[in-house]
Amino acid sequence: MKFRPCIDIHEGKVKQIVGSTLRDSGVGPETNFESERPPEWFAELYKSDELTGGHVIMLGRGNEDTAIRALKAYPGGLQVGGGIKPENAKRFLDAGASHVIVTSYVFKDGQINWDNLEALKKVVGKDRLVLDLSCRRRDGRYFIVTDRWQKFTDVEMVPERLDELSEHCNEYLVHGVDVEGKQQGVEADLVRMLGEWNKLPTTYAGGIKGFDDIRNIYSWGQGKLDFTVGSALDIFGGNLPYKEVVAWKSKI
């Protein structure tokens, strides 16, 4: 279990938002924090603390150049996601991304588009592909959501689906979207399921407020899940000291 840092970019700024409020149009998302610092400042911080496998997430269009600045500041240390497809994936890898993260391109019309997945895998390779299986609860079950987490697919998050998709990627990234950005605790059932599965490196994000939540991920995930903290960190306006989280992961 290790701490995976994040750089979320919206409208060219490093922000922390409530994930379920992000929309294509109309009223803007609920924002917890907007930084005056550029993305490369955060990338250089993570590099100095030797944190690997962090995520640069482009929340909407027009954030590509900003994301590339972060990637160039920490070559090989960060993954990138948000609007990734075969036509642009190589640009981000060439800029220094270790992996690309994809959801919407692979999950089309509520289903897994195997042709799209194969096309992307052909460009980037299985070993540099992360599938974002961020999900929301519906009728007591978790389903993968796409298009900035607005649309439910028909793809349920169950071990059998994780087995199937694991043949085509190197890692999973899973946001518990219903609690993302709310600092109200993690999705316990989702964390337990991911911890029991444990066949690929998997990062959980969503709902973390403090060290009790991190300890719960460690316990419920059987020490096998990595984790991301966003809005709760003091570098993003929260109360959880970033340096203490970095130090805590080194003690595991």
Protein backbone atom coordinates (compact mmCIF):
# COMPACT_ATOMS: atom_id res chain seq x y z
CA MET A 1 0.00 0.00 0.00
CA LYS A 2 1.39 3.36 -1.00
CA PHE A 3 0.29 6.95 -1.31
CA ARG A 4 -0.33 8.04 -4.92
CA PRO A 5 -0.47 11.84 -5.25
CA CYS A 6 -2.71 13.69 -7.69
CA ILE A 7 -2.86 16.82 -9.82
CA ASP A 8 -6.42 17.52 -10.98
CA ILE A 9 -6.68 20.17 -13.69
CA HIS A 10 -9.87 22.06 -14.57
CA GLU A 11 -9.97 25.07 -16.89
CA GLY A 12 -6.17 25.20 -16.81
CA LYS A 13 -5.97 25.40 -13.00
CA VAL A 14 -5.05 22.87 -10.35
CA LYS A 15 -8.29 22.28 -8.45
CA GLN A 16 -10.07 19.91 -6.15
CA ILE A 17 -13.74 19.48 -6.97
CA VAL A 18 -16.66 17.35 -5.84
CA GLY A 19 -16.53 14.73 -8.56
CA SER A 20 -20.25 14.14 -8.93
CA THR A 21 -20.84 17.85 -9.70
CA LEU A 22 -18.71 17.99 -12.86
CA ARG A 23 -20.89 18.69 -15.90
CA ASP A 24 -20.40 19.27 -19.62
CA SER A 25 -22.37 22.51 -19.55
CA GLY A 26 -24.46 24.75 -17.35
CA VAL A 27 -23.57 25.39 -13.72
CA GLY A 28 -19.89 24.80 -12.97
CA PRO A 29 -18.67 22.10 -10.57
CA GLU A 30 -18.56 22.50 -6.81
CA THR A 31 -14.96 23.47 -6.14
CA ASN A 32 -13.25 22.69 -2.84
CA PHE A 33 -9.95 24.32 -3.76
CA GLU A 34 -8.24 26.24 -6.56
CA SER A 35 -4.48 26.67 -6.41
CA GLU A 36 -2.49 29.73 -7.40
CA ARG A 37 0.48 27.42 -7.94
CA PRO A 38 1.15 25.91 -11.37
CA PRO A 39 0.89 22.15 -11.94
CA GLU A 40 4.65 21.76 -12.23
CA TRP A 41 5.03 22.96 -8.62
CA PHE A 42 3.07 19.93 -7.44
CA ALA A 43 4.93 17.61 -9.82
CA GLU A 44 8.28 18.84 -8.50
CA LEU A 45 7.06 18.37 -4.92
CA TYR A 46 6.09 14.76 -5.61
CA LYS A 47 9.41 14.18 -7.34
CA SER A 48 11.35 15.54 -4.38
CA ASP A 49 9.43 13.19 -2.05
CA GLU A 50 10.02 10.23 -4.40
CA LEU A 51 6.31 9.54 -4.84
CA THR A 52 5.68 7.48 -7.96
CA GLY A 53 2.55 6.51 -9.88
CA GLY A 54 0.62 9.71 -9.17
CA HIS A 55 -2.19 10.88 -11.42
CA VAL A 56 -2.56 13.98 -13.55
CA ILE A 57 -6.27 14.16 -14.40
CA MET A 58 -7.61 16.53 -17.05
CA LEU A 59 -11.16 17.45 -16.02
CA GLY A 60 -12.67 18.54 -19.31
CA ARG A 61 -11.29 19.88 -22.56
CA GLY A 62 -8.53 22.44 -22.96
CA ASN A 63 -6.22 21.15 -20.24
CA GLU A 64 -3.72 19.25 -22.38
CA ASP A 65 -0.90 21.81 -22.39
CA THR A 66 -1.24 22.35 -18.64
CA ALA A 67 -1.04 18.60 -18.01
CA ILE A 68 2.04 18.29 -20.21
CA ARG A 69 3.82 20.91 -18.12
CA ALA A 70 3.34 18.69 -15.07
CA LEU A 71 4.51 15.58 -16.92
CA LYS A 72 7.66 17.31 -18.13
CA ALA A 73 8.45 18.41 -14.58
CA TYR A 74 8.50 14.79 -13.38
CA PRO A 75 9.33 12.48 -16.31
CA GLY A 76 8.31 8.90 -15.66
CA GLY A 77 6.77 9.69 -12.29
CA LEU A 78 3.18 10.51 -13.22
CA GLN A 79 0.30 8.96 -15.11
CA VAL A 80 -2.21 11.03 -17.10
CA GLY A 81 -5.91 10.68 -17.81
CA GLY A 82 -8.90 12.55 -19.17
CA GLY A 83 -9.92 12.35 -22.81
CA ILE A 84 -7.20 9.85 -23.71
CA LYS A 85 -7.58 8.07 -27.06
CA PRO A 86 -5.21 6.54 -29.63
CA GLU A 87 -4.83 9.82 -31.49
CA ASN A 88 -3.38 11.73 -28.53
CA ALA A 89 -1.97 9.07 -26.18
CA LYS A 90 1.53 9.10 -27.64
CA ARG A 91 1.82 12.86 -27.13
CA PHE A 92 1.46 12.40 -23.37
CA LEU A 93 3.82 9.43 -23.23
CA ASP A 94 6.41 11.40 -25.18
CA ALA A 95 5.98 14.28 -22.70
CA GLY A 96 6.96 12.00 -19.82
CA ALA A 97 3.84 10.14 -18.67
CA SER A 98 4.62 6.67 -17.37
CA HIS A 99 1.08 5.46 -18.23
CA VAL A 100 -2.13 6.75 -19.75
CA ILE A 101 -5.44 6.36 -17.94
CA VAL A 102 -8.65 5.76 -19.87
CA THR A 103 -12.36 5.33 -19.21
CA SER A 104 -14.79 6.90 -21.65
CA TYR A 105 -12.99 5.81 -24.83
CA VAL A 106 -13.22 2.17 -23.74
CA PHE A 107 -16.73 2.24 -22.27
CA LYS A 108 -19.12 3.35 -25.03
CA ASP A 109 -22.92 3.25 -25.08
CA GLY A 110 -22.96 1.60 -21.69
CA GLN A 111 -20.76 -1.34 -22.68
CA ILE A 112 -17.12 -2.28 -23.02
CA ASN A 113 -15.96 -1.41 -26.52
CA TRP A 114 -13.37 -4.11 -27.10
CA ASP A 115 -12.32 -2.69 -30.46
CA ASN A 116 -11.48 0.66 -28.85
CA LEU A 117 -9.61 -1.05 -26.06
CA GLU A 118 -7.55 -3.04 -28.53
CA ALA A 119 -6.84 0.08 -30.62
CA LEU A 120 -5.54 1.94 -27.59
CA LYS A 121 -3.54 -1.02 -26.38
CA LYS A 122 -1.93 -1.30 -29.80
CA VAL A 123 -0.70 2.30 -29.56
CA VAL A 124 0.50 2.44 -25.94
CA GLY A 125 1.00 -1.21 -25.00
CA LYS A 126 -0.65 -3.14 -22.18
CA ASP A 127 2.14 -2.26 -19.76
CA ARG A 128 1.47 1.49 -20.04
CA LEU A 129 -2.32 1.37 -19.89
CA VAL A 130 -4.38 2.06 -16.76
CA LEU A 131 -8.13 1.51 -16.81
CA ASP A 132 -10.14 3.97 -14.74
CA LEU A 133 -13.01 1.95 -13.31
CA SER A 134 -14.48 4.76 -11.24
CA CYS A 135 -17.96 3.83 -10.17
CA ARG A 136 -21.18 4.84 -8.44
CA ARG A 137 -23.71 2.87 -6.48
CA ARG A 138 -27.08 2.08 -8.05
CA ASP A 139 -29.65 -0.29 -6.52
CA GLY A 140 -27.05 -1.44 -4.01
CA ARG A 141 -24.44 -2.32 -6.65
CA TYR A 142 -21.47 -0.46 -8.15
CA PHE A 143 -21.43 0.41 -11.84
CA ILE A 144 -18.65 2.03 -13.87
CA VAL A 145 -19.42 5.62 -14.86
CA THR A 146 -18.05 7.63 -17.79
CA ASP A 147 -18.04 11.11 -19.35
CA ARG A 148 -16.75 12.98 -16.30
CA TRP A 149 -18.66 10.49 -14.12
CA GLN A 150 -22.03 11.68 -15.44
CA LYS A 151 -23.17 8.52 -17.25
CA PHE A 152 -23.80 5.09 -15.81
CA THR A 153 -22.68 2.15 -17.91
CA ASP A 154 -24.21 -1.31 -17.69
CA VAL A 155 -20.83 -2.65 -16.57
CA GLU A 156 -21.00 -3.75 -12.95
CA MET A 157 -17.90 -3.68 -10.76
CA VAL A 158 -17.59 -7.34 -9.81
CA PRO A 159 -14.55 -9.63 -9.55
CA GLU A 160 -15.42 -11.40 -12.79
CA ARG A 161 -15.28 -8.10 -14.70
CA LEU A 162 -11.97 -7.21 -13.05
CA ASP A 163 -10.59 -10.58 -14.14
CA GLU A 164 -11.72 -10.02 -17.71
CA LEU A 165 -10.30 -6.52 -18.07
CA SER A 166 -7.03 -7.35 -16.31
CA GLU A 167 -5.83 -9.11 -19.45
CA HIS A 168 -5.73 -5.75 -21.23
CA CYS A 169 -4.09 -3.28 -18.83
CA ASN A 170 -1.37 -2.81 -16.25
CA GLU A 171 -3.28 -1.13 -13.41
CA TYR A 172 -6.68 0.02 -12.21
CA LEU A 173 -7.68 3.41 -10.83
CA VAL A 174 -10.98 3.43 -8.97
CA HIS A 175 -12.73 6.52 -7.61
CA GLY A 176 -15.69 6.04 -5.32
CA VAL A 177 -17.51 8.85 -7.14
CA ASP A 178 -20.39 9.24 -4.68
CA VAL A 179 -17.95 10.27 -1.94
CA GLU A 180 -15.25 11.88 -4.13
CA GLY A 181 -14.28 15.29 -2.76
CA LYS A 182 -16.69 15.14 0.18
CA GLN A 183 -14.30 13.99 2.95
CA GLN A 184 -17.07 11.92 4.52
CA GLY A 185 -15.39 8.53 4.61
CA VAL A 186 -14.50 5.92 2.01
CA GLU A 187 -16.71 3.41 0.19
CA ALA A 188 -16.15 0.47 2.54
CA ASP A 189 -17.83 -2.20 0.39
CA LEU A 190 -15.89 -1.13 -2.69
CA VAL A 191 -12.57 -1.08 -0.82
CA ARG A 192 -13.20 -4.55 0.60
CA MET A 193 -14.04 -5.97 -2.81
CA LEU A 194 -10.94 -4.48 -4.43
CA GLY A 195 -8.73 -5.71 -1.59
CA GLU A 196 -10.06 -9.23 -1.87
CA TRP A 197 -9.54 -9.29 -5.65
CA ASN A 198 -5.93 -7.99 -5.73
CA LYS A 199 -4.61 -9.27 -9.05
CA LEU A 200 -3.34 -5.97 -10.48
CA PRO A 201 -1.96 -2.83 -8.83
CA THR A 202 -5.07 -0.83 -7.91
CA THR A 203 -5.46 2.68 -6.53
CA TYR A 204 -8.55 3.75 -4.59
CA ALA A 205 -9.67 7.38 -4.30
CA GLY A 206 -12.66 9.05 -2.70
CA GLY A 207 -13.88 10.27 0.67
CA ILE A 208 -10.63 10.34 2.62
CA LYS A 209 -10.65 12.93 5.40
CA GLY A 210 -7.92 11.81 7.78
CA PHE A 211 -5.70 9.01 8.96
CA ASP A 212 -8.63 6.95 10.21
CA ASP A 213 -9.80 6.63 6.62
CA ILE A 214 -6.31 5.68 5.44
CA ARG A 215 -6.09 3.05 8.16
CA ASN A 216 -9.49 1.73 7.09
CA ILE A 217 -8.27 1.39 3.49
CA TYR A 218 -5.22 -0.47 4.79
CA SER A 219 -7.40 -2.80 6.89
CA TRP A 220 -10.37 -3.32 4.56
CA GLY A 221 -8.10 -3.52 1.51
CA GLN A 222 -5.86 -6.07 3.27
CA GLY A 223 -2.86 -3.79 2.80
CA LYS A 224 -2.98 -4.34 -0.95
CA LEU A 225 -4.59 -1.14 -2.24
CA ASP A 226 -2.79 2.09 -2.99
CA PHE A 227 -4.64 5.30 -2.19
CA THR A 228 -5.02 8.87 -3.38
CA VAL A 229 -5.89 11.85 -1.18
CA GLY A 230 -7.06 15.12 -2.68
CA SER A 231 -9.22 17.74 -0.99
CA ALA A 232 -8.26 16.68 2.53
CA LEU A 233 -4.56 17.52 2.07
CA ASP A 234 -3.24 20.84 3.34
CA ILE A 235 -1.57 21.50 -0.02
CA PHE A 236 -5.12 21.54 -1.42
CA GLY A 237 -6.66 23.61 1.35
CA GLY A 238 -7.55 20.76 3.72
CA ASN A 239 -6.46 19.85 7.23
CA LEU A 240 -4.49 16.65 6.58
CA PRO A 241 -0.74 17.40 6.52
CA TYR A 242 0.75 16.27 3.23
CA LYS A 243 4.15 15.67 4.82
CA GLU A 244 2.60 13.38 7.44
CA VAL A 245 0.89 11.32 4.75
CA VAL A 246 4.21 10.98 2.95
CA ALA A 247 5.88 9.91 6.19
CA TRP A 248 3.05 7.53 7.07
CA LYS A 249 3.35 5.57 3.83
CA SER A 250 7.05 5.03 4.47
CA LYS A 251 6.26 3.29 7.76
CA ILE A 252 4.08 0.57 6.25
